[in-house]
Amino acid sequence: MDITTLRIAATLACFVTFVGIMVWAFSRRNAAGFQEAAQLPFDQD
């Protein structure tokens, strides 16, 4: 196994991680939590 193979594997792992984060961030089941978090700076107690 040479350095090029390791670089390819690292690139693919990072890409899969990026796609996973994007899917998680834009999933509909997280929308309510993100909307609530977005309103936190405007809440007056």
Protein backbone atom coordinates (compact mmCIF):
# COMPACT_ATOMS: atom_id res chain seq x y z
CA MET A 1 0.00 0.00 0.00
CA ASP A 2 1.57 3.23 -1.10
CA ILE A 3 0.92 6.84 -0.15
CA THR A 4 -1.40 7.44 -3.11
CA THR A 5 -3.76 4.72 -1.93
CA LEU A 6 -3.81 6.23 1.56
CA ARG A 7 -4.59 9.66 0.11
CA ILE A 8 -7.44 8.25 -1.95
CA ALA A 9 -8.85 6.45 1.09
CA ALA A 10 -8.61 9.62 3.22
CA THR A 11 -10.29 11.69 0.51
CA LEU A 12 -13.14 9.21 0.18
CA ALA A 13 -13.57 9.01 3.96
CA CYS A 14 -13.76 12.81 4.21
CA PHE A 15 -16.24 12.99 1.34
CA VAL A 16 -18.49 10.34 2.91
CA THR A 17 -18.33 12.19 6.23
CA PHE A 18 -19.22 15.47 4.51
CA VAL A 19 -22.19 13.91 2.72
CA GLY A 20 -23.35 12.34 6.00
CA ILE A 21 -23.23 15.70 7.78
CA MET A 22 -25.15 17.35 4.93
CA VAL A 23 -27.85 14.67 5.03
CA TRP A 24 -28.13 15.04 8.81
CA ALA A 25 -28.26 18.85 8.67
CA PHE A 26 -30.96 19.00 6.00
CA SER A 27 -33.14 16.14 7.24
CA ARG A 28 -36.70 17.13 8.06
CA ARG A 29 -36.71 15.52 11.50
CA ASN A 30 -34.02 18.00 12.67
CA ALA A 31 -35.78 21.06 11.28
CA ALA A 32 -37.79 21.80 14.42
CA GLY A 33 -34.72 21.71 16.64
CA PHE A 34 -32.76 23.94 14.32
CA GLN A 35 -35.65 26.39 14.06
CA GLU A 36 -35.88 26.55 17.85
CA ALA A 37 -32.12 27.10 18.12
CA ALA A 38 -32.30 29.85 15.51
CA GLN A 39 -34.80 31.76 17.66
CA LEU A 40 -32.74 31.59 20.87
CA PRO A 41 -31.01 34.98 20.39
CA PHE A 42 -34.41 36.67 20.05
CA ASP A 43 -36.08 35.12 23.11
CA GLN A 44 -36.69 37.59 25.91
CA ASP A 45 -37.11 36.10 29.35
